Amino acid sequence: MLALKTEAAVTQDTDAVIALKSLLRLTLRVFIADGRIFLGTFAGTDKSLNLLLVNTEEFRLGPSDNPDGRYVGQIMIPWRLVIRTEVQAPGTSTMDQEEDGRMYL
């Protein structure tokens, strides 16, 4: 009997889960330890909290690197490599970002 949970307890999300759900389908810019930057749509995490991005582009900053980046599609980024994450401002489209320079290098 102790193993049974009430329906409210099963469906109630923590603040952290609610925060993650609010990021779904938003554009993220993820900086990782080796200097690469990924720009893609947040699709979720796994149990280990690795980040899943779709429609992703990879950028490397440096004099000999391609400033336009390269398309890498769907990727999983290990949480331990993430240094910083930025979120697209709600209510702006990708076209808006291109025009004012936000979220792009």
N, C-alpha and C. Protein backbone atom coordinates (compact mmCIF):
# COMPACT_ATOMS: atom_id res chain seq x y z
N MET A 1 0.81 -1.19 0.00
CA MET A 1 0.00 0.00 0.00
C MET A 1 0.85 1.26 0.00
N LEU A 2 2.02 1.25 0.61
CA LEU A 2 2.86 2.44 0.66
C LEU A 2 3.42 2.79 -0.71
N ALA A 3 3.56 1.78 -1.59
CA ALA A 3 4.14 2.02 -2.91
C ALA A 3 3.18 2.76 -3.83
N LEU A 4 1.90 2.75 -3.54
CA LEU A 4 0.93 3.44 -4.38
C LEU A 4 0.97 4.94 -4.10
N LYS A 5 1.00 5.72 -5.17
CA LYS A 5 1.00 7.17 -5.03
C LYS A 5 -0.34 7.71 -5.50
N THR A 6 -0.72 8.82 -4.96
CA THR A 6 -1.95 9.45 -5.43
C THR A 6 -1.71 10.02 -6.81
N GLU A 7 -2.78 10.19 -7.56
CA GLU A 7 -2.65 10.73 -8.91
C GLU A 7 -2.04 12.13 -8.89
N ALA A 8 -2.37 12.92 -7.91
CA ALA A 8 -1.81 14.28 -7.81
C ALA A 8 -0.31 14.24 -7.61
N ALA A 9 0.18 13.31 -6.81
CA ALA A 9 1.62 13.21 -6.54
C ALA A 9 2.37 12.76 -7.78
N VAL A 10 1.77 11.91 -8.59
CA VAL A 10 2.42 11.41 -9.79
C VAL A 10 2.52 12.49 -10.85
N THR A 11 1.50 13.32 -10.99
CA THR A 11 1.48 14.31 -12.06
C THR A 11 2.06 15.66 -11.65
N GLN A 12 2.34 15.87 -10.39
CA GLN A 12 2.85 17.15 -9.93
C GLN A 12 4.33 17.28 -10.29
N ASP A 13 4.67 18.33 -11.03
CA ASP A 13 6.05 18.57 -11.45
C ASP A 13 6.76 19.47 -10.45
N THR A 14 8.06 19.25 -10.31
CA THR A 14 8.86 20.14 -9.47
C THR A 14 9.13 21.43 -10.23
N ASP A 15 9.64 22.42 -9.53
CA ASP A 15 9.98 23.70 -10.18
C ASP A 15 11.01 23.51 -11.29
N ALA A 16 11.97 22.61 -11.07
CA ALA A 16 13.01 22.36 -12.07
C ALA A 16 12.41 21.76 -13.34
N VAL A 17 11.48 20.82 -13.18
CA VAL A 17 10.84 20.20 -14.34
C VAL A 17 9.99 21.23 -15.09
N ILE A 18 9.30 22.06 -14.37
CA ILE A 18 8.49 23.12 -14.99
C ILE A 18 9.39 24.07 -15.78
N ALA A 19 10.54 24.42 -15.21
CA ALA A 19 11.49 25.31 -15.89
C ALA A 19 12.00 24.66 -17.18
N LEU A 20 12.34 23.37 -17.12
CA LEU A 20 12.81 22.67 -18.32
C LEU A 20 11.72 22.60 -19.38
N LYS A 21 10.50 22.30 -18.97
CA LYS A 21 9.39 22.23 -19.92
C LYS A 21 9.16 23.57 -20.61
N SER A 22 9.40 24.66 -19.90
CA SER A 22 9.20 25.99 -20.49
C SER A 22 10.23 26.27 -21.60
N LEU A 23 11.33 25.53 -21.61
CA LEU A 23 12.37 25.73 -22.62
C LEU A 23 12.15 24.90 -23.88
N LEU A 24 11.24 23.94 -23.83
CA LEU A 24 11.01 23.08 -24.99
C LEU A 24 10.65 23.91 -26.21
N ARG A 25 11.25 23.56 -27.35
CA ARG A 25 11.03 24.20 -28.64
C ARG A 25 11.56 25.63 -28.73
N LEU A 26 12.36 26.04 -27.75
CA LEU A 26 13.01 27.35 -27.83
C LEU A 26 14.43 27.17 -28.36
N THR A 27 14.97 28.23 -28.95
CA THR A 27 16.34 28.19 -29.46
C THR A 27 17.31 28.44 -28.32
N LEU A 28 18.29 27.53 -28.20
CA LEU A 28 19.33 27.66 -27.18
C LEU A 28 20.68 27.84 -27.85
N ARG A 29 21.54 28.59 -27.20
CA ARG A 29 22.95 28.67 -27.58
C ARG A 29 23.71 28.05 -26.43
N VAL A 30 24.44 26.96 -26.70
CA VAL A 30 25.14 26.20 -25.67
C VAL A 30 26.64 26.29 -25.90
N PHE A 31 27.36 26.79 -24.91
CA PHE A 31 28.81 26.90 -24.95
C PHE A 31 29.38 25.69 -24.22
N ILE A 32 30.35 24.98 -24.85
CA ILE A 32 30.93 23.81 -24.18
C ILE A 32 32.42 24.02 -23.94
N ALA A 33 32.98 23.13 -23.13
CA ALA A 33 34.34 23.28 -22.59
C ALA A 33 35.43 23.39 -23.67
N ASP A 34 35.26 22.75 -24.82
CA ASP A 34 36.32 22.79 -25.83
C ASP A 34 36.24 24.03 -26.74
N GLY A 35 35.34 24.96 -26.42
CA GLY A 35 35.25 26.20 -27.17
C GLY A 35 34.19 26.22 -28.26
N ARG A 36 33.56 25.10 -28.52
CA ARG A 36 32.50 25.08 -29.54
C ARG A 36 31.22 25.68 -28.98
N ILE A 37 30.40 26.18 -29.89
CA ILE A 37 29.10 26.75 -29.54
C ILE A 37 28.06 26.08 -30.43
N PHE A 38 26.98 25.61 -29.81
CA PHE A 38 25.90 24.98 -30.55
C PHE A 38 24.65 25.84 -30.46
N LEU A 39 24.01 26.06 -31.61
CA LEU A 39 22.78 26.84 -31.69
C LEU A 39 21.71 25.92 -32.25
N GLY A 40 20.71 25.59 -31.43
CA GLY A 40 19.68 24.66 -31.88
C GLY A 40 18.42 24.75 -31.04
N THR A 41 17.43 23.97 -31.43
CA THR A 41 16.14 23.94 -30.75
C THR A 41 16.17 22.90 -29.64
N PHE A 42 15.82 23.32 -28.43
CA PHE A 42 15.84 22.42 -27.27
C PHE A 42 14.71 21.41 -27.40
N ALA A 43 15.08 20.12 -27.36
CA ALA A 43 14.10 19.04 -27.48
C ALA A 43 13.96 18.24 -26.19
N GLY A 44 14.82 18.49 -25.20
CA GLY A 44 14.69 17.79 -23.93
C GLY A 44 16.03 17.37 -23.36
N THR A 45 15.93 16.56 -22.31
CA THR A 45 17.11 15.99 -21.67
C THR A 45 16.88 14.50 -21.48
N ASP A 46 17.95 13.78 -21.17
CA ASP A 46 17.78 12.39 -20.78
C ASP A 46 17.87 12.31 -19.26
N LYS A 47 17.88 11.09 -18.74
CA LYS A 47 17.90 10.91 -17.29
C LYS A 47 19.16 11.51 -16.65
N SER A 48 20.26 11.52 -17.40
CA SER A 48 21.53 12.06 -16.91
C SER A 48 21.63 13.58 -17.08
N LEU A 49 20.58 14.20 -17.62
CA LEU A 49 20.51 15.64 -17.87
C LEU A 49 21.41 16.13 -19.00
N ASN A 50 21.76 15.23 -19.92
CA ASN A 50 22.43 15.65 -21.14
C ASN A 50 21.40 16.41 -21.98
N LEU A 51 21.84 17.42 -22.72
CA LEU A 51 20.92 18.25 -23.50
C LEU A 51 20.71 17.66 -24.89
N LEU A 52 19.48 17.63 -25.35
CA LEU A 52 19.15 17.19 -26.70
C LEU A 52 18.70 18.41 -27.50
N LEU A 53 19.44 18.69 -28.58
CA LEU A 53 19.11 19.80 -29.47
C LEU A 53 18.83 19.24 -30.86
N VAL A 54 17.88 19.85 -31.57
CA VAL A 54 17.59 19.48 -32.95
C VAL A 54 17.79 20.71 -33.83
N ASN A 55 17.94 20.46 -35.15
CA ASN A 55 18.19 21.54 -36.11
C ASN A 55 19.34 22.43 -35.64
N THR A 56 20.44 21.79 -35.31
CA THR A 56 21.55 22.46 -34.63
C THR A 56 22.67 22.83 -35.59
N GLU A 57 23.27 23.97 -35.33
CA GLU A 57 24.48 24.39 -36.03
C GLU A 57 25.62 24.47 -35.02
N GLU A 58 26.82 24.10 -35.47
CA GLU A 58 28.01 24.14 -34.63
C GLU A 58 28.91 25.27 -35.10
N PHE A 59 29.40 26.05 -34.13
CA PHE A 59 30.31 27.15 -34.44
C PHE A 59 31.60 26.97 -33.65
N ARG A 60 32.72 27.31 -34.30
CA ARG A 60 34.02 27.34 -33.63
C ARG A 60 34.57 28.75 -33.83
N LEU A 61 35.08 29.30 -32.77
CA LEU A 61 35.61 30.66 -32.86
C LEU A 61 37.12 30.60 -32.98
N GLY A 62 37.63 31.21 -34.00
CA GLY A 62 39.07 31.24 -34.22
C GLY A 62 39.37 31.78 -35.60
N PRO A 63 40.61 32.21 -35.83
CA PRO A 63 40.96 32.82 -37.11
C PRO A 63 40.86 31.86 -38.30
N SER A 64 41.11 30.58 -38.09
CA SER A 64 41.07 29.63 -39.20
C SER A 64 39.76 28.86 -39.28
N ASP A 65 38.79 29.19 -38.44
CA ASP A 65 37.52 28.47 -38.42
C ASP A 65 36.48 29.16 -39.28
N ASN A 66 35.52 28.37 -39.76
CA ASN A 66 34.43 28.87 -40.59
C ASN A 66 33.47 29.70 -39.74
N PRO A 67 33.34 30.99 -40.00
CA PRO A 67 32.45 31.83 -39.18
C PRO A 67 30.97 31.52 -39.41
N ASP A 68 30.64 30.83 -40.51
CA ASP A 68 29.25 30.50 -40.80
C ASP A 68 28.78 29.24 -40.09
N GLY A 69 29.68 28.50 -39.48
CA GLY A 69 29.31 27.28 -38.78
C GLY A 69 28.99 26.15 -39.74
N ARG A 70 28.53 25.04 -39.17
CA ARG A 70 28.13 23.90 -39.99
C ARG A 70 26.91 23.26 -39.36
N TYR A 71 26.04 22.73 -40.20
CA TYR A 71 24.82 22.09 -39.73
C TYR A 71 25.16 20.70 -39.21
N VAL A 72 24.75 20.39 -37.98
CA VAL A 72 25.01 19.07 -37.40
C VAL A 72 23.73 18.32 -37.07
N GLY A 73 22.56 18.95 -37.22
CA GLY A 73 21.29 18.26 -37.02
C GLY A 73 20.95 18.04 -35.56
N GLN A 74 20.64 16.78 -35.23
CA GLN A 74 20.27 16.42 -33.86
C GLN A 74 21.50 15.98 -33.09
N ILE A 75 21.70 16.57 -31.91
CA ILE A 75 22.87 16.21 -31.11
C ILE A 75 22.50 16.08 -29.64
N MET A 76 23.31 15.32 -28.93
CA MET A 76 23.20 15.18 -27.48
C MET A 76 24.49 15.76 -26.90
N ILE A 77 24.35 16.74 -26.01
CA ILE A 77 25.52 17.39 -25.40
C ILE A 77 25.62 16.93 -23.96
N PRO A 78 26.73 16.27 -23.59
CA PRO A 78 26.89 15.83 -22.19
C PRO A 78 26.86 17.02 -21.24
N TRP A 79 26.11 16.91 -20.16
CA TRP A 79 25.94 18.02 -19.20
C TRP A 79 27.26 18.49 -18.64
N ARG A 80 28.22 17.58 -18.47
CA ARG A 80 29.48 17.96 -17.83
C ARG A 80 30.35 18.84 -18.73
N LEU A 81 30.03 18.92 -20.02
CA LEU A 81 30.79 19.77 -20.94
C LEU A 81 30.20 21.17 -21.06
N VAL A 82 28.97 21.36 -20.60
CA VAL A 82 28.27 22.64 -20.76
C VAL A 82 28.85 23.68 -19.80
N ILE A 83 29.27 24.80 -20.37
CA ILE A 83 29.80 25.91 -19.58
C ILE A 83 28.70 26.95 -19.35
N ARG A 84 27.96 27.25 -20.42
CA ARG A 84 26.93 28.29 -20.33
C ARG A 84 25.86 28.01 -21.38
N THR A 85 24.63 28.39 -21.07
CA THR A 85 23.52 28.24 -22.00
C THR A 85 22.74 29.55 -22.04
N GLU A 86 22.38 29.97 -23.25
CA GLU A 86 21.57 31.17 -23.43
C GLU A 86 20.28 30.77 -24.14
N VAL A 87 19.20 31.48 -23.84
CA VAL A 87 17.89 31.18 -24.40
C VAL A 87 17.44 32.34 -25.28
N GLN A 88 16.82 32.00 -26.42
CA GLN A 88 16.23 33.02 -27.29
C GLN A 88 15.15 33.76 -26.52
N ALA A 89 15.08 35.05 -26.70
CA ALA A 89 14.04 35.85 -26.05
C ALA A 89 12.67 35.39 -26.52
N PRO A 90 11.75 35.10 -25.58
CA PRO A 90 10.40 34.66 -25.97
C PRO A 90 9.72 35.70 -26.85
N GLY A 91 8.99 35.22 -27.85
CA GLY A 91 8.25 36.12 -28.72
C GLY A 91 9.04 36.62 -29.91
N THR A 92 10.30 36.21 -30.05
CA THR A 92 11.08 36.61 -31.22
C THR A 92 11.27 35.40 -32.11
N SER A 93 11.27 35.63 -33.40
CA SER A 93 11.47 34.54 -34.34
C SER A 93 12.94 34.48 -34.74
N THR A 94 13.31 33.44 -35.45
CA THR A 94 14.68 33.31 -35.94
C THR A 94 15.02 34.46 -36.87
N MET A 95 14.05 34.88 -37.69
CA MET A 95 14.29 35.99 -38.60
C MET A 95 14.57 37.28 -37.82
N ASP A 96 13.84 37.52 -36.73
CA ASP A 96 14.10 38.69 -35.89
C ASP A 96 15.52 38.66 -35.35
N GLN A 97 15.96 37.48 -34.95
CA GLN A 97 17.30 37.34 -34.38
C GLN A 97 18.36 37.65 -35.42
N GLU A 98 18.14 37.20 -36.65
CA GLU A 98 19.12 37.45 -37.70
C GLU A 98 19.25 38.95 -37.96
N GLU A 99 18.13 39.67 -37.91
CA GLU A 99 18.15 41.09 -38.21
C GLU A 99 18.86 41.90 -37.14
N ASP A 100 18.67 41.56 -35.87
CA ASP A 100 19.29 42.37 -34.82
C ASP A 100 20.55 41.75 -34.23
N GLY A 101 20.94 40.55 -34.70
CA GLY A 101 22.20 39.96 -34.29
C GLY A 101 22.17 39.12 -33.03
N ARG A 102 21.05 39.09 -32.31
CA ARG A 102 21.00 38.28 -31.10
C ARG A 102 21.05 36.80 -31.47
N MET A 103 21.65 36.01 -30.65
CA MET A 103 21.74 34.55 -30.76
C MET A 103 22.64 34.08 -31.89
N TYR A 104 23.14 34.97 -32.73
CA TYR A 104 24.05 34.56 -33.78
C TYR A 104 25.40 35.20 -33.55
N LEU A 105 26.42 34.53 -34.03
CA LEU A 105 27.79 34.99 -33.80
C LEU A 105 28.19 36.05 -34.80
